[in-house]
Amino acid sequence: MANETPSVKMFADLREKLKPLNIPIKFKLPKQDTLEPFLVIGQSSSDMSKTAQTGLVIEDMSVQIDIFLPGTESRAGIEKVKSEALRRIGHNRNVNASVLLDDTIGREVYHIVIALTDTIF
């Protein structure tokens, strides 16, 4: 699309960068009966206050990426997926990551939470 917004381009870029993980990519949390592994490029927020200062459209965008893996996966395997995802996202962004054991859907899964912020324009 020629008229894509910077945020849409950012989502598409993240999807392309994370495809080699061979984990299904979603843009919203699937139903509870969807089994792991899957990845959700989801929650996002933006701050456009720099636009008012410069006149150019400048957006500080924060995105959360959630990777859900089976609870039977080894911790070493989980750390490998987290490391690979971070490497593919790139180091030019402000990125934080954590690993949680999550049972909110009725079964225990590993939940890797990656939060990133980037300036897009």
PDB file of N, CA and C in Angstrom:
ATOM      1  N   MET A   1       0.830  -1.194   0.000  1.00  0.00           N
ATOM      2  CA  MET A   1       0.000   0.000   0.000  1.00  0.00           C
ATOM      3  C   MET A   1       0.867   1.247   0.000  1.00  0.00           C
ATOM      4  N   ALA A   2       0.541   2.145  -0.857  1.00  0.00           N
ATOM      5  CA  ALA A   2       1.332   3.365  -0.962  1.00  0.00           C
ATOM      6  C   ALA A   2       1.049   4.335   0.183  1.00  0.00           C
ATOM      7  N   ASN A   3      -0.146   4.305   0.738  1.00  0.00           N
ATOM      8  CA  ASN A   3      -0.531   5.258   1.772  1.00  0.00           C
ATOM      9  C   ASN A   3      -0.525   4.652   3.171  1.00  0.00           C
ATOM     10  N   GLU A   4       0.334   3.678   3.417  1.00  0.00           N
ATOM     11  CA  GLU A   4       0.416   3.077   4.745  1.00  0.00           C
ATOM     12  C   GLU A   4       0.926   4.091   5.752  1.00  0.00           C
ATOM     13  N   THR A   5       0.381   4.028   6.938  1.00  0.00           N
ATOM     14  CA  THR A   5       0.856   4.893   8.009  1.00  0.00           C
ATOM     15  C   THR A   5       2.160   4.318   8.549  1.00  0.00           C
ATOM     16  N   PRO A   6       2.963   5.141   9.201  1.00  0.00           N
ATOM     17  CA  PRO A   6       4.202   4.621   9.790  1.00  0.00           C
ATOM     18  C   PRO A   6       3.962   3.473  10.773  1.00  0.00           C
ATOM     19  N   SER A   7       2.874   3.532  11.524  1.00  0.00           N
ATOM     20  CA  SER A   7       2.607   2.459  12.486  1.00  0.00           C
ATOM     21  C   SER A   7       2.271   1.146  11.778  1.00  0.00           C
ATOM     22  N   VAL A   8       1.510   1.209  10.682  1.00  0.00           N
ATOM     23  CA  VAL A   8       1.199   0.001   9.911  1.00  0.00           C
ATOM     24  C   VAL A   8       2.485  -0.587   9.332  1.00  0.00           C
ATOM     25  N   LYS A   9       3.358   0.270   8.844  1.00  0.00           N
ATOM     26  CA  LYS A   9       4.648  -0.203   8.325  1.00  0.00           C
ATOM     27  C   LYS A   9       5.468  -0.861   9.425  1.00  0.00           C
ATOM     28  N   MET A  10       5.412  -0.310  10.645  1.00  0.00           N
ATOM     29  CA  MET A  10       6.149  -0.883  11.757  1.00  0.00           C
ATOM     30  C   MET A  10       5.631  -2.284  12.088  1.00  0.00           C
ATOM     31  N   PHE A  11       4.290  -2.452  12.129  1.00  0.00           N
ATOM     32  CA  PHE A  11       3.721  -3.776  12.382  1.00  0.00           C
ATOM     33  C   PHE A  11       4.137  -4.772  11.300  1.00  0.00           C
ATOM     34  N   ALA A  12       4.084  -4.342  10.050  1.00  0.00           N
ATOM     35  CA  ALA A  12       4.474  -5.220   8.940  1.00  0.00           C
ATOM     36  C   ALA A  12       5.950  -5.585   9.032  1.00  0.00           C
ATOM     37  N   ASP A  13       6.779  -4.618   9.398  1.00  0.00           N
ATOM     38  CA  ASP A  13       8.213  -4.852   9.559  1.00  0.00           C
ATOM     39  C   ASP A  13       8.475  -5.863  10.683  1.00  0.00           C
ATOM     40  N   LEU A  14       7.798  -5.708  11.800  1.00  0.00           N
ATOM     41  CA  LEU A  14       7.956  -6.652  12.909  1.00  0.00           C
ATOM     42  C   LEU A  14       7.533  -8.059  12.485  1.00  0.00           C
ATOM     43  N   ARG A  15       6.425  -8.140  11.767  1.00  0.00           N
ATOM     44  CA  ARG A  15       5.955  -9.450  11.304  1.00  0.00           C
ATOM     45  C   ARG A  15       7.010 -10.123  10.417  1.00  0.00           C
ATOM     46  N   GLU A  16       7.563  -9.375   9.479  1.00  0.00           N
ATOM     47  CA  GLU A  16       8.578  -9.942   8.586  1.00  0.00           C
ATOM     48  C   GLU A  16       9.827 -10.373   9.362  1.00  0.00           C
ATOM     49  N   LYS A  17      10.230  -9.570  10.324  1.00  0.00           N
ATOM     50  CA  LYS A  17      11.423  -9.899  11.120  1.00  0.00           C
ATOM     51  C   LYS A  17      11.209 -11.130  11.988  1.00  0.00           C
ATOM     52  N   LEU A  18       9.983 -11.365  12.446  1.00  0.00           N
ATOM     53  CA  LEU A  18       9.711 -12.479  13.353  1.00  0.00           C
ATOM     54  C   LEU A  18       9.275 -13.757  12.636  1.00  0.00           C
ATOM     55  N   LYS A  19       8.953 -13.685  11.349  1.00  0.00           N
ATOM     56  CA  LYS A  19       8.533 -14.870  10.584  1.00  0.00           C
ATOM     57  C   LYS A  19       9.529 -16.031  10.673  1.00  0.00           C
ATOM     58  N   PRO A  20      10.854 -15.776  10.609  1.00  0.00           N
ATOM     59  CA  PRO A  20      11.801 -16.889  10.653  1.00  0.00           C
ATOM     60  C   PRO A  20      11.779 -17.705  11.959  1.00  0.00           C
ATOM     61  N   LEU A  21      11.083 -17.221  12.986  1.00  0.00           N
ATOM     62  CA  LEU A  21      10.958 -18.011  14.213  1.00  0.00           C
ATOM     63  C   LEU A  21      10.076 -19.239  13.987  1.00  0.00           C
ATOM     64  N   ASN A  22       9.328 -19.250  12.885  1.00  0.00           N
ATOM     65  CA  ASN A  22       8.397 -20.343  12.555  1.00  0.00           C
ATOM     66  C   ASN A  22       7.363 -20.568  13.648  1.00  0.00           C
ATOM     67  N   ILE A  23       6.889 -19.471  14.217  1.00  0.00           N
ATOM     68  CA  ILE A  23       5.816 -19.483  15.208  1.00  0.00           C
ATOM     69  C   ILE A  23       4.660 -18.698  14.576  1.00  0.00           C
ATOM     70  N   PRO A  24       3.451 -19.266  14.560  1.00  0.00           N
ATOM     71  CA  PRO A  24       2.325 -18.526  13.966  1.00  0.00           C
ATOM     72  C   PRO A  24       2.176 -17.132  14.589  1.00  0.00           C
ATOM     73  N   ILE A  25       2.006 -16.129  13.736  1.00  0.00           N
ATOM     74  CA  ILE A  25       1.916 -14.731  14.174  1.00  0.00           C
ATOM     75  C   ILE A  25       0.470 -14.265  14.079  1.00  0.00           C
ATOM     76  N   LYS A  26      -0.019 -13.723  15.181  1.00  0.00           N
ATOM     77  CA  LYS A  26      -1.377 -13.186  15.261  1.00  0.00           C
ATOM     78  C   LYS A  26      -1.290 -11.701  15.610  1.00  0.00           C
ATOM     79  N   PHE A  27      -2.376 -10.980  15.360  1.00  0.00           N
ATOM     80  CA  PHE A  27      -2.440  -9.578  15.756  1.00  0.00           C
ATOM     81  C   PHE A  27      -3.462  -9.343  16.856  1.00  0.00           C
ATOM     82  N   LYS A  28      -4.072 -10.423  17.340  1.00  0.00           N
ATOM     83  CA  LYS A  28      -4.906 -10.376  18.539  1.00  0.00           C
ATOM     84  C   LYS A  28      -4.836 -11.745  19.199  1.00  0.00           C
ATOM     85  N   LEU A  29      -5.087 -11.769  20.485  1.00  0.00           N
ATOM     86  CA  LEU A  29      -5.011 -13.013  21.246  1.00  0.00           C
ATOM     87  C   LEU A  29      -6.062 -13.989  20.731  1.00  0.00           C
ATOM     88  N   PRO A  30      -5.649 -15.201  20.341  1.00  0.00           N
ATOM     89  CA  PRO A  30      -6.621 -16.165  19.825  1.00  0.00           C
ATOM     90  C   PRO A  30      -7.472 -16.759  20.958  1.00  0.00           C
ATOM     91  N   LYS A  31      -8.452 -17.551  20.586  1.00  0.00           N
ATOM     92  CA  LYS A  31      -9.318 -18.210  21.563  1.00  0.00           C
ATOM     93  C   LYS A  31      -8.499 -19.170  22.427  1.00  0.00           C
ATOM     94  N   GLN A  32      -9.041 -19.486  23.614  1.00  0.00           N
ATOM     95  CA  GLN A  32      -8.346 -20.328  24.580  1.00  0.00           C
ATOM     96  C   GLN A  32      -7.994 -21.705  24.040  1.00  0.00           C
ATOM     97  N   ASP A  33      -8.755 -22.209  23.099  1.00  0.00           N
ATOM     98  CA  ASP A  33      -8.487 -23.556  22.597  1.00  0.00           C
ATOM     99  C   ASP A  33      -7.367 -23.592  21.552  1.00  0.00           C
ATOM    100  N   THR A  34      -6.797 -22.434  21.216  1.00  0.00           N
ATOM    101  CA  THR A  34      -5.650 -22.388  20.309  1.00  0.00           C
ATOM    102  C   THR A  34      -4.406 -22.796  21.100  1.00  0.00           C
ATOM    103  N   LEU A  35      -3.759 -23.862  20.661  1.00  0.00           N
ATOM    104  CA  LEU A  35      -2.593 -24.361  21.382  1.00  0.00           C
ATOM    105  C   LEU A  35      -1.332 -23.619  20.989  1.00  0.00           C
ATOM    106  N   GLU A  36      -0.408 -23.599  21.901  1.00  0.00           N
ATOM    107  CA  GLU A  36       0.876 -22.976  21.692  1.00  0.00           C
ATOM    108  C   GLU A  36       1.700 -23.880  20.763  1.00  0.00           C
ATOM    109  N   PRO A  37       2.653 -23.315  20.053  1.00  0.00           N
ATOM    110  CA  PRO A  37       3.179 -21.961  20.142  1.00  0.00           C
ATOM    111  C   PRO A  37       2.413 -20.981  19.248  1.00  0.00           C
ATOM    112  N   PHE A  38       2.371 -19.740  19.668  1.00  0.00           N
ATOM    113  CA  PHE A  38       1.925 -18.640  18.821  1.00  0.00           C
ATOM    114  C   PHE A  38       2.484 -17.343  19.384  1.00  0.00           C
ATOM    115  N   LEU A  39       2.476 -16.339  18.537  1.00  0.00           N
ATOM    116  CA  LEU A  39       3.057 -15.040  18.858  1.00  0.00           C
ATOM    117  C   LEU A  39       1.998 -13.983  18.560  1.00  0.00           C
ATOM    118  N   VAL A  40       1.854 -13.002  19.441  1.00  0.00           N
ATOM    119  CA  VAL A  40       0.865 -11.946  19.235  1.00  0.00           C
ATOM    120  C   VAL A  40       1.582 -10.593  19.197  1.00  0.00           C
ATOM    121  N   ILE A  41       1.476  -9.913  18.066  1.00  0.00           N
ATOM    122  CA  ILE A  41       1.935  -8.523  17.975  1.00  0.00           C
ATOM    123  C   ILE A  41       0.695  -7.713  18.301  1.00  0.00           C
ATOM    124  N   GLY A  42       0.650  -7.177  19.502  1.00  0.00           N
ATOM    125  CA  GLY A  42      -0.610  -6.638  19.963  1.00  0.00           C
ATOM    126  C   GLY A  42      -0.583  -5.237  20.489  1.00  0.00           C
ATOM    127  N   GLN A  43      -0.776  -5.150  21.764  1.00  0.00           N
ATOM    128  CA  GLN A  43      -0.982  -3.877  22.442  1.00  0.00           C
ATOM    129  C   GLN A  43       0.024  -2.832  21.983  1.00  0.00           C
ATOM    130  N   SER A  44      -0.503  -1.656  21.633  1.00  0.00           N
ATOM    131  CA  SER A  44       0.384  -0.580  21.187  1.00  0.00           C
ATOM    132  C   SER A  44      -0.139   0.761  21.675  1.00  0.00           C
ATOM    133  N   SER A  45       0.754   1.704  21.780  1.00  0.00           N
ATOM    134  CA  SER A  45       0.375   3.081  22.102  1.00  0.00           C
ATOM    135  C   SER A  45       1.354   4.003  21.394  1.00  0.00           C
ATOM    136  N   SER A  46       0.937   5.244  21.210  1.00  0.00           N
ATOM    137  CA  SER A  46       1.827   6.174  20.534  1.00  0.00           C
ATOM    138  C   SER A  46       1.734   7.554  21.155  1.00  0.00           C
ATOM    139  N   ASP A  47       2.829   8.290  21.007  1.00  0.00           N
ATOM    140  CA  ASP A  47       2.925   9.661  21.495  1.00  0.00           C
ATOM    141  C   ASP A  47       3.388  10.508  20.313  1.00  0.00           C
ATOM    142  N   MET A  48       2.576  11.459  19.934  1.00  0.00           N
ATOM    143  CA  MET A  48       2.919  12.298  18.781  1.00  0.00           C
ATOM    144  C   MET A  48       3.266  13.723  19.201  1.00  0.00           C
ATOM    145  N   SER A  49       3.676  13.913  20.452  1.00  0.00           N
ATOM    146  CA  SER A  49       3.967  15.263  20.939  1.00  0.00           C
ATOM    147  C   SER A  49       5.128  15.917  20.187  1.00  0.00           C
ATOM    148  N   LYS A  50       6.052  15.129  19.645  1.00  0.00           N
ATOM    149  CA  LYS A  50       7.168  15.701  18.882  1.00  0.00           C
ATOM    150  C   LYS A  50       6.688  16.329  17.572  1.00  0.00           C
ATOM    151  N   THR A  51       5.526  15.865  17.072  1.00  0.00           N
ATOM    152  CA  THR A  51       4.970  16.421  15.844  1.00  0.00           C
ATOM    153  C   THR A  51       4.679  17.906  16.014  1.00  0.00           C
ATOM    154  N   ALA A  52       4.095  18.263  17.136  1.00  0.00           N
ATOM    155  CA  ALA A  52       3.755  19.665  17.390  1.00  0.00           C
ATOM    156  C   ALA A  52       5.004  20.539  17.466  1.00  0.00           C
ATOM    157  N   GLN A  53       6.103  19.973  17.919  1.00  0.00           N
ATOM    158  CA  GLN A  53       7.345  20.732  18.063  1.00  0.00           C
ATOM    159  C   GLN A  53       8.039  20.965  16.726  1.00  0.00           C
ATOM    160  N   THR A  54       7.926  19.997  15.803  1.00  0.00           N
ATOM    161  CA  THR A  54       8.687  20.071  14.561  1.00  0.00           C
ATOM    162  C   THR A  54       7.849  20.331  13.321  1.00  0.00           C
ATOM    163  N   GLY A  55       6.562  20.009  13.382  1.00  0.00           N
ATOM    164  CA  GLY A  55       5.717  20.132  12.199  1.00  0.00           C
ATOM    165  C   GLY A  55       5.711  18.870  11.351  1.00  0.00           C
ATOM    166  N   LEU A  56       6.706  18.002  11.498  1.00  0.00           N
ATOM    167  CA  LEU A  56       6.744  16.720  10.811  1.00  0.00           C
ATOM    168  C   LEU A  56       5.959  15.703  11.635  1.00  0.00           C
ATOM    169  N   VAL A  57       5.414  14.683  11.002  1.00  0.00           N
ATOM    170  CA  VAL A  57       4.728  13.633  11.747  1.00  0.00           C
ATOM    171  C   VAL A  57       5.785  12.705  12.334  1.00  0.00           C
ATOM    172  N   ILE A  58       5.988  12.818  13.639  1.00  0.00           N
ATOM    173  CA  ILE A  58       6.951  11.999  14.365  1.00  0.00           C
ATOM    174  C   ILE A  58       6.194  11.326  15.495  1.00  0.00           C
ATOM    175  N   GLU A  59       6.339  10.012  15.579  1.00  0.00           N
ATOM    176  CA  GLU A  59       5.558   9.233  16.535  1.00  0.00           C
ATOM    177  C   GLU A  59       6.480   8.328  17.338  1.00  0.00           C
ATOM    178  N   ASP A  60       6.410   8.427  18.664  1.00  0.00           N
ATOM    179  CA  ASP A  60       7.073   7.454  19.528  1.00  0.00           C
ATOM    180  C   ASP A  60       6.061   6.347  19.771  1.00  0.00           C
ATOM    181  N   MET A  61       6.336   5.173  19.248  1.00  0.00           N
ATOM    182  CA  MET A  61       5.374   4.077  19.316  1.00  0.00           C
ATOM    183  C   MET A  61       5.896   2.959  20.195  1.00  0.00           C
ATOM    184  N   SER A  62       5.043   2.486  21.097  1.00  0.00           N
ATOM    185  CA  SER A  62       5.358   1.345  21.957  1.00  0.00           C
ATOM    186  C   SER A  62       4.487   0.170  21.526  1.00  0.00           C
ATOM    187  N   VAL A  63       5.106  -0.997  21.426  1.00  0.00           N
ATOM    188  CA  VAL A  63       4.404  -2.210  21.000  1.00  0.00           C
ATOM    189  C   VAL A  63       4.791  -3.342  21.947  1.00  0.00           C
ATOM    190  N   GLN A  64       3.803  -4.164  22.272  1.00  0.00           N
ATOM    191  CA  GLN A  64       4.076  -5.353  23.067  1.00  0.00           C
ATOM    192  C   GLN A  64       3.931  -6.582  22.185  1.00  0.00           C
ATOM    193  N   ILE A  65       4.927  -7.452  22.272  1.00  0.00           N
ATOM    194  CA  ILE A  65       4.912  -8.725  21.549  1.00  0.00           C
ATOM    195  C   ILE A  65       4.867  -9.816  22.605  1.00  0.00           C
ATOM    196  N   ASP A  66       3.883 -10.696  22.496  1.00  0.00           N
ATOM    197  CA  ASP A  66       3.726 -11.799  23.448  1.00  0.00           C
ATOM    198  C   ASP A  66       3.950 -13.102  22.713  1.00  0.00           C
ATOM    199  N   ILE A  67       4.869 -13.893  23.217  1.00  0.00           N
ATOM    200  CA  ILE A  67       5.140 -15.201  22.627  1.00  0.00           C
ATOM    201  C   ILE A  67       4.712 -16.248  23.643  1.00  0.00           C
ATOM    202  N   PHE A  68       3.814 -17.124  23.221  1.00  0.00           N
ATOM    203  CA  PHE A  68       3.306 -18.175  24.094  1.00  0.00           C
ATOM    204  C   PHE A  68       3.863 -19.509  23.622  1.00  0.00           C
ATOM    205  N   LEU A  69       4.496 -20.235  24.545  1.00  0.00           N
ATOM    206  CA  LEU A  69       5.102 -21.525  24.242  1.00  0.00           C
ATOM    207  C   LEU A  69       4.575 -22.569  25.222  1.00  0.00           C
ATOM    208  N   PRO A  70       4.543 -23.844  24.825  1.00  0.00           N
ATOM    209  CA  PRO A  70       4.015 -24.881  25.721  1.00  0.00           C
ATOM    210  C   PRO A  70       4.761 -24.922  27.053  1.00  0.00           C
ATOM    211  N   GLY A  71       4.027 -25.191  28.114  1.00  0.00           N
ATOM    212  CA  GLY A  71       4.628 -25.305  29.444  1.00  0.00           C
ATOM    213  C   GLY A  71       5.591 -26.468  29.562  1.00  0.00           C
ATOM    214  N   THR A  72       5.549 -27.386  28.599  1.00  0.00           N
ATOM    215  CA  THR A  72       6.448 -28.537  28.613  1.00  0.00           C
ATOM    216  C   THR A  72       7.811 -28.228  27.991  1.00  0.00           C
ATOM    217  N   GLU A  73       7.931 -27.072  27.381  1.00  0.00           N
ATOM    218  CA  GLU A  73       9.191 -26.652  26.749  1.00  0.00           C
ATOM    219  C   GLU A  73      10.261 -26.463  27.825  1.00  0.00           C
ATOM    220  N   SER A  74      11.502 -26.751  27.498  1.00  0.00           N
ATOM    221  CA  SER A  74      12.593 -26.557  28.465  1.00  0.00           C
ATOM    222  C   SER A  74      12.885 -25.072  28.634  1.00  0.00           C
ATOM    223  N   ARG A  75      13.403 -24.710  29.795  1.00  0.00           N
ATOM    224  CA  ARG A  75      13.735 -23.299  30.028  1.00  0.00           C
ATOM    225  C   ARG A  75      14.814 -22.848  29.051  1.00  0.00           C
ATOM    226  N   ALA A  76      15.749 -23.724  28.733  1.00  0.00           N
ATOM    227  CA  ALA A  76      16.792 -23.376  27.758  1.00  0.00           C
ATOM    228  C   ALA A  76      16.166 -23.089  26.391  1.00  0.00           C
ATOM    229  N   GLY A  77      15.160 -23.873  26.015  1.00  0.00           N
ATOM    230  CA  GLY A  77      14.472 -23.642  24.746  1.00  0.00           C
ATOM    231  C   GLY A  77      13.731 -22.313  24.739  1.00  0.00           C
ATOM    232  N   ILE A  78      13.137 -21.965  25.873  1.00  0.00           N
ATOM    233  CA  ILE A  78      12.426 -20.691  26.004  1.00  0.00           C
ATOM    234  C   ILE A  78      13.402 -19.527  25.847  1.00  0.00           C
ATOM    235  N   GLU A  79      14.538 -19.619  26.531  1.00  0.00           N
ATOM    236  CA  GLU A  79      15.545 -18.555  26.456  1.00  0.00           C
ATOM    237  C   GLU A  79      16.099 -18.420  25.043  1.00  0.00           C
ATOM    238  N   LYS A  80      16.216 -19.544  24.338  1.00  0.00           N
ATOM    239  CA  LYS A  80      16.685 -19.507  22.951  1.00  0.00           C
ATOM    240  C   LYS A  80      15.698 -18.749  22.065  1.00  0.00           C
ATOM    241  N   VAL A  81      14.394 -19.017  22.235  1.00  0.00           N
ATOM    242  CA  VAL A  81      13.372 -18.312  21.458  1.00  0.00           C
ATOM    243  C   VAL A  81      13.401 -16.820  21.789  1.00  0.00           C
ATOM    244  N   LYS A  82      13.499 -16.486  23.087  1.00  0.00           N
ATOM    245  CA  LYS A  82      13.542 -15.078  23.490  1.00  0.00           C
ATOM    246  C   LYS A  82      14.741 -14.373  22.861  1.00  0.00           C
ATOM    247  N   SER A  83      15.896 -15.007  22.937  1.00  0.00           N
ATOM    248  CA  SER A  83      17.117 -14.421  22.384  1.00  0.00           C
ATOM    249  C   SER A  83      17.014 -14.226  20.877  1.00  0.00           C
ATOM    250  N   GLU A  84      16.486 -15.216  20.193  1.00  0.00           N
ATOM    251  CA  GLU A  84      16.342 -15.131  18.732  1.00  0.00           C
ATOM    252  C   GLU A  84      15.359 -14.032  18.356  1.00  0.00           C
ATOM    253  N   ALA A  85      14.237 -13.926  19.078  1.00  0.00           N
ATOM    254  CA  ALA A  85      13.262 -12.875  18.789  1.00  0.00           C
ATOM    255  C   ALA A  85      13.888 -11.501  18.988  1.00  0.00           C
ATOM    256  N   LEU A  86      14.611 -11.315  20.081  1.00  0.00           N
ATOM    257  CA  LEU A  86      15.261 -10.021  20.345  1.00  0.00           C
ATOM    258  C   LEU A  86      16.288  -9.690  19.268  1.00  0.00           C
ATOM    259  N   ARG A  87      17.043 -10.688  18.844  1.00  0.00           N
ATOM    260  CA  ARG A  87      18.036 -10.475  17.794  1.00  0.00           C
ATOM    261  C   ARG A  87      17.368 -10.067  16.483  1.00  0.00           C
ATOM    262  N   ARG A  88      16.251 -10.702  16.173  1.00  0.00           N
ATOM    263  CA  ARG A  88      15.548 -10.390  14.920  1.00  0.00           C
ATOM    264  C   ARG A  88      14.876  -9.018  14.961  1.00  0.00           C
ATOM    265  N   ILE A  89      14.383  -8.608  16.131  1.00  0.00           N
ATOM    266  CA  ILE A  89      13.768  -7.286  16.265  1.00  0.00           C
ATOM    267  C   ILE A  89      14.799  -6.200  16.024  1.00  0.00           C
ATOM    268  N   GLY A  90      16.013  -6.404  16.518  1.00  0.00           N
ATOM    269  CA  GLY A  90      17.092  -5.450  16.301  1.00  0.00           C
ATOM    270  C   GLY A  90      17.393  -4.626  17.536  1.00  0.00           C
ATOM    271  N   HIS A  91      18.573  -4.063  17.543  1.00  0.00           N
ATOM    272  CA  HIS A  91      19.065  -3.345  18.716  1.00  0.00           C
ATOM    273  C   HIS A  91      18.907  -1.836  18.612  1.00  0.00           C
ATOM    274  N   ASN A  92      18.287  -1.342  17.564  1.00  0.00           N
ATOM    275  CA  ASN A  92      18.134   0.104  17.413  1.00  0.00           C
ATOM    276  C   ASN A  92      16.907   0.629  18.154  1.00  0.00           C
ATOM    277  N   ARG A  93      16.231  -0.240  18.868  1.00  0.00           N
ATOM    278  CA  ARG A  93      15.017   0.136  19.592  1.00  0.00           C
ATOM    279  C   ARG A  93      15.243  -0.037  21.085  1.00  0.00           C
ATOM    280  N   ASN A  94      14.430   0.642  21.881  1.00  0.00           N
ATOM    281  CA  ASN A  94      14.417   0.450  23.319  1.00  0.00           C
ATOM    282  C   ASN A  94      13.579  -0.804  23.583  1.00  0.00           C
ATOM    283  N   VAL A  95      14.210  -1.900  24.013  1.00  0.00           N
ATOM    284  CA  VAL A  95      13.537  -3.186  24.136  1.00  0.00           C
ATOM    285  C   VAL A  95      13.735  -3.758  25.537  1.00  0.00           C
ATOM    286  N   ASN A  96      12.663  -4.277  26.109  1.00  0.00           N
ATOM    287  CA  ASN A  96      12.707  -5.003  27.379  1.00  0.00           C
ATOM    288  C   ASN A  96      12.010  -6.328  27.178  1.00  0.00           C
ATOM    289  N   ALA A  97      12.486  -7.370  27.871  1.00  0.00           N
ATOM    290  CA  ALA A  97      11.867  -8.688  27.738  1.00  0.00           C
ATOM    291  C   ALA A  97      11.838  -9.395  29.080  1.00  0.00           C
ATOM    292  N   SER A  98      10.801 -10.200  29.268  1.00  0.00           N
ATOM    293  CA  SER A  98      10.698 -11.017  30.469  1.00  0.00           C
ATOM    294  C   SER A  98      10.038 -12.346  30.111  1.00  0.00           C
ATOM    295  N   VAL A  99      10.270 -13.344  30.956  1.00  0.00           N
ATOM    296  CA  VAL A  99       9.681 -14.668  30.774  1.00  0.00           C
ATOM    297  C   VAL A  99       8.837 -14.976  32.004  1.00  0.00           C
ATOM    298  N   LEU A 100       7.603 -15.383  31.757  1.00  0.00           N
ATOM    299  CA  LEU A 100       6.671 -15.695  32.842  1.00  0.00           C
ATOM    300  C   LEU A 100       6.089 -17.087  32.644  1.00  0.00           C
ATOM    301  N   LEU A 101       5.753 -17.741  33.749  1.00  0.00           N
ATOM    302  CA  LEU A 101       4.892 -18.919  33.674  1.00  0.00           C
ATOM    303  C   LEU A 101       3.479 -18.397  33.839  1.00  0.00           C
ATOM    304  N   ASP A 102       2.604 -18.710  32.899  1.00  0.00           N
ATOM    305  CA  ASP A 102       1.272 -18.119  32.845  1.00  0.00           C
ATOM    306  C   ASP A 102       0.234 -19.243  32.803  1.00  0.00           C
ATOM    307  N   ASP A 103      -0.760 -19.173  33.680  1.00  0.00           N
ATOM    308  CA  ASP A 103      -1.829 -20.172  33.632  1.00  0.00           C
ATOM    309  C   ASP A 103      -3.214 -19.528  33.555  1.00  0.00           C
ATOM    310  N   THR A 104      -3.272 -18.318  33.020  1.00  0.00           N
ATOM    311  CA  THR A 104      -4.542 -17.589  32.955  1.00  0.00           C
ATOM    312  C   THR A 104      -5.545 -18.217  31.991  1.00  0.00           C
ATOM    313  N   ILE A 105      -5.089 -19.081  31.099  1.00  0.00           N
ATOM    314  CA  ILE A 105      -6.017 -19.716  30.155  1.00  0.00           C
ATOM    315  C   ILE A 105      -6.376 -21.140  30.581  1.00  0.00           C
ATOM    316  N   GLY A 106      -6.006 -21.511  31.795  1.00  0.00           N
ATOM    317  CA  GLY A 106      -6.370 -22.827  32.302  1.00  0.00           C
ATOM    318  C   GLY A 106      -5.310 -23.892  32.109  1.00  0.00           C
ATOM    319  N   ARG A 107      -4.224 -23.543  31.481  1.00  0.00           N
ATOM    320  CA  ARG A 107      -3.103 -24.474  31.359  1.00  0.00           C
ATOM    321  C   ARG A 107      -1.814 -23.670  31.494  1.00  0.00           C
ATOM    322  N   GLU A 108      -0.783 -24.302  31.986  1.00  0.00           N
ATOM    323  CA  GLU A 108       0.471 -23.585  32.215  1.00  0.00           C
ATOM    324  C   GLU A 108       1.265 -23.480  30.907  1.00  0.00           C
ATOM    325  N   VAL A 109       1.621 -22.248  30.569  1.00  0.00           N
ATOM    326  CA  VAL A 109       2.411 -21.980  29.375  1.00  0.00           C
ATOM    327  C   VAL A 109       3.531 -21.009  29.733  1.00  0.00           C
ATOM    328  N   TYR A 110       4.550 -21.001  28.924  1.00  0.00           N
ATOM    329  CA  TYR A 110       5.568 -19.955  29.043  1.00  0.00           C
ATOM    330  C   TYR A 110       5.096 -18.763  28.228  1.00  0.00           C
ATOM    331  N   HIS A 111       5.280 -17.590  28.797  1.00  0.00           N
ATOM    332  CA  HIS A 111       4.834 -16.350  28.166  1.00  0.00           C
ATOM    333  C   HIS A 111       6.029 -15.399  28.133  1.00  0.00           C
ATOM    334  N   ILE A 112       6.556 -15.173  26.956  1.00  0.00           N
ATOM    335  CA  ILE A 112       7.645 -14.210  26.775  1.00  0.00           C
ATOM    336  C   ILE A 112       7.002 -12.878  26.411  1.00  0.00           C
ATOM    337  N   VAL A 113       7.293 -11.854  27.196  1.00  0.00           N
ATOM    338  CA  VAL A 113       6.745 -10.519  26.948  1.00  0.00           C
ATOM    339  C   VAL A 113       7.886  -9.630  26.474  1.00  0.00           C
ATOM    340  N   ILE A 114       7.743  -9.080  25.288  1.00  0.00           N
ATOM    341  CA  ILE A 114       8.740  -8.160  24.740  1.00  0.00           C
ATOM    342  C   ILE A 114       8.050  -6.811  24.536  1.00  0.00           C
ATOM    343  N   ALA A 115       8.580  -5.797  25.183  1.00  0.00           N
ATOM    344  CA  ALA A 115       8.043  -4.439  25.037  1.00  0.00           C
ATOM    345  C   ALA A 115       9.092  -3.597  24.330  1.00  0.00           C
ATOM    346  N   LEU A 116       8.695  -2.931  23.264  1.00  0.00           N
ATOM    347  CA  LEU A 116       9.651  -2.107  22.542  1.00  0.00           C
ATOM    348  C   LEU A 116       9.063  -0.749  22.240  1.00  0.00           C
ATOM    349  N   THR A 117       9.938   0.226  22.184  1.00  0.00           N
ATOM    350  CA  THR A 117       9.551   1.589  21.826  1.00  0.00           C
ATOM    351  C   THR A 117      10.486   2.056  20.728  1.00  0.00           C
ATOM    352  N   ASP A 118       9.919   2.688  19.719  1.00  0.00           N
ATOM    353  CA  ASP A 118      10.727   3.177  18.614  1.00  0.00           C
ATOM    354  C   ASP A 118      10.137   4.498  18.123  1.00  0.00           C
ATOM    355  N   THR A 119      10.965   5.350  17.606  1.00  0.00           N
ATOM    356  CA  THR A 119      10.502   6.597  17.004  1.00  0.00           C
ATOM    357  C   THR A 119      10.333   6.340  15.507  1.00  0.00           C
ATOM    358  N   ILE A 120       9.126   6.601  15.022  1.00  0.00           N
ATOM    359  CA  ILE A 120       8.847   6.382  13.612  1.00  0.00           C
ATOM    360  C   ILE A 120       8.340   7.680  12.983  1.00  0.00           C
ATOM    361  N   PHE A 121       8.631   7.849  11.713  1.00  0.00           N
ATOM    362  CA  PHE A 121       8.164   9.033  10.981  1.00  0.00           C
ATOM    363  C   PHE A 121       8.142   8.757   9.515  1.00  0.00           C
TER     364      PHE A 121
END
